[in-house]
Structure formats: structure tokens, C-alpha cells
């Protein structure tokens, strides 16, 4: 199931890519989709989707519509629709979401609260 998801992440409508080897210190705010293969040290607040690639790392809180994690997130997440942690993904922080999927091998350390879906 997640191999299909991985292929869709590559071809989906991604507006911004933070590539491997790039580090951003500071918050990111916006309305579009983003893929992170580099490092973000700050909070992410988007009305779109966030994809953390295998080499991606976010140290900060994330608020978005959807979040897919193949890499590492250290911070709390508030996701209005779907949170997916893939086999190589790690989330260290608390979660508020309406849908949580953790693939076998994915790691989640924190507390979760399921909220009603408004989509």
C-alpha cells in the first residue's frame, strides 16, 4: 500500500521542494503542498500537504491538511485529514489528527488524539 503512496508522492502536485543538503532555520507558512528532503528547524503551518522524504528531517511543530512521513519529525503535529508514517518514518511528538496510519516498521513516540474529520 505504501509503495503506491511513495510513487504518488513523487508525482503529486507538489509546489515546493526543499532538497537534500538544504537546511532552513525558521518557520514556513503557506497554502500549498511541500516536499522536504532536507532539514527544517522551525514550525510548518500549511493549508496543503506535507511530505517528508527519506532524507528529510523536521525539528518543529507541523500543522497541515495531510502529512506523510518517510523521514524524521521531532515535534507535535496537528493534521486535519490524514497522517501516514511509512516503514522508514519516525515521529517523536504528540499528534492530533482524524486519521492515523503507521506502516509496519514506522515509529511513533508520543500521544495521539483523534479528532473528527471535517473533510
Protein backbone atom coordinates (compact mmCIF):
# COMPACT_ATOMS: atom_id res chain seq x y z
CA UNK A 1 0.00 0.00 0.00
CA UNK A 2 2.73 2.50 0.91
CA UNK A 3 4.77 1.73 -2.22
CA UNK A 4 1.83 3.14 -4.16
CA UNK A 5 1.80 6.11 -1.77
CA UNK A 6 5.55 6.62 -2.32
CA UNK A 7 5.04 6.77 -6.10
CA UNK A 8 2.13 9.20 -5.71
CA UNK A 9 4.23 11.49 -3.51
CA UNK A 10 6.75 11.85 -6.33
CA UNK A 11 4.13 12.65 -8.98
CA UNK A 12 1.59 14.57 -6.87
CA UNK A 13 1.04 18.29 -7.19
CA UNK A 14 3.99 19.46 -5.10
CA UNK A 15 4.55 23.20 -5.23
CA UNK A 16 7.78 23.46 -3.22
CA UNK A 17 10.70 21.08 -2.70
CA UNK A 18 13.35 21.53 -0.01
CA UNK A 19 16.06 19.28 -1.42
CA UNK A 20 18.62 17.07 0.32
CA UNK A 21 21.54 19.12 1.62
CA UNK A 22 19.42 22.24 2.28
CA UNK A 23 18.76 23.43 5.85
CA UNK A 24 16.19 26.10 6.65
CA UNK A 25 16.06 27.68 10.10
CA UNK A 26 12.74 29.43 10.59
CA UNK A 27 9.03 28.90 10.16
CA UNK A 28 7.28 28.02 6.89
CA UNK A 29 3.73 29.28 6.29
CA UNK A 30 1.54 28.90 3.22
CA UNK A 31 -1.34 27.31 1.38
CA UNK A 32 0.35 24.85 -0.98
CA UNK A 33 1.97 21.39 -0.85
CA UNK A 34 5.61 20.89 0.13
CA UNK A 35 8.10 18.03 -0.05
CA UNK A 36 11.03 18.08 2.37
CA UNK A 37 14.15 16.04 1.60
CA UNK A 38 16.43 18.43 3.51
CA UNK A 39 16.19 19.79 7.06
CA UNK A 40 13.74 22.28 8.55
CA UNK A 41 14.46 23.71 12.00
CA UNK A 42 11.22 25.53 12.69
CA UNK A 43 7.46 25.17 12.54
CA UNK A 44 5.47 24.39 9.39
CA UNK A 45 1.94 25.80 9.03
CA UNK A 46 0.32 24.89 5.71
CA UNK A 47 -3.20 24.55 4.37
CA UNK A 48 -1.82 21.91 1.97
CA UNK A 49 0.02 18.63 2.33
CA UNK A 50 3.50 18.00 3.75
CA UNK A 51 5.66 15.10 2.52
CA UNK A 52 8.82 14.27 4.46
CA UNK A 53 11.17 12.25 2.22
CA UNK A 54 13.51 9.53 3.49
CA UNK A 55 16.36 12.02 3.93
CA UNK A 56 14.00 14.70 5.29
CA UNK A 57 14.07 15.97 8.87
CA UNK A 58 11.78 18.45 10.59
CA UNK A 59 12.58 19.70 14.08
CA UNK A 60 9.48 21.71 14.94
CA UNK A 61 5.71 21.51 15.00
CA UNK A 62 3.66 20.81 11.87
CA UNK A 63 0.10 21.95 11.14
CA UNK A 64 -1.26 20.83 7.75
CA UNK A 65 -4.08 19.05 5.94
CA UNK A 66 -2.12 15.83 5.29
CA UNK A 67 1.28 14.63 6.48
CA UNK A 68 3.26 11.71 5.05
CA UNK A 69 6.49 10.79 6.83
CA UNK A 70 9.26 8.74 5.23
CA UNK A 71 11.97 10.56 7.25
CA UNK A 72 12.09 12.08 10.75
CA UNK A 73 9.82 14.55 12.56
CA UNK A 74 10.64 15.78 16.07
CA UNK A 75 7.72 17.93 17.18
CA UNK A 76 3.98 17.95 17.67
CA UNK A 77 1.68 17.62 14.66
CA UNK A 78 -1.89 18.79 14.10
CA UNK A 79 -3.21 17.25 10.88
CA UNK A 80 -6.81 17.92 9.84
CA UNK A 81 -7.10 14.96 7.46
CA UNK A 82 -4.58 12.07 7.25
CA UNK A 83 -1.25 11.32 8.93
CA UNK A 84 0.80 8.45 7.47
CA UNK A 85 4.04 7.17 8.97
CA UNK A 86 5.77 4.88 6.48
CA UNK A 87 8.08 1.93 7.26
CA UNK A 88 11.22 4.09 7.40
CA UNK A 89 9.43 7.08 9.02
CA UNK A 90 9.74 8.32 12.59
CA UNK A 91 7.58 10.73 14.56
CA UNK A 92 8.66 11.88 18.02
CA UNK A 93 5.87 14.09 19.35
CA UNK A 94 2.18 14.32 20.06
CA UNK A 95 -0.48 14.02 17.36
CA UNK A 96 -3.95 15.43 16.73
CA UNK A 97 -5.50 14.02 13.55
CA UNK A 98 -8.65 12.43 12.17
CA UNK A 99 -6.79 9.50 10.54
CA UNK A 100 -3.53 7.86 11.64
CA UNK A 101 -1.75 5.14 9.64
CA UNK A 102 1.54 3.61 10.80
CA UNK A 103 3.14 1.11 8.45
CA UNK A 104 4.93 -1.90 9.94
CA UNK A 105 8.41 -0.63 10.86
CA UNK A 106 7.31 3.00 11.24
CA UNK A 107 7.96 4.57 14.65
CA UNK A 108 5.68 6.80 16.68
CA UNK A 109 6.69 8.03 20.15
CA UNK A 110 4.10 10.33 21.69
CA UNK A 111 0.43 10.70 22.46
CA UNK A 112 -2.37 10.74 19.93
CA UNK A 113 -5.79 12.35 19.97
CA UNK A 114 -8.28 11.53 17.24
CA UNK A 115 -10.34 14.48 16.09
CA UNK A 116 -13.45 14.35 13.90
CA UNK A 117 -12.86 14.62 10.18
CA UNK A 118 -14.16 17.84 8.64
CA UNK A 119 -13.19 16.95 5.05
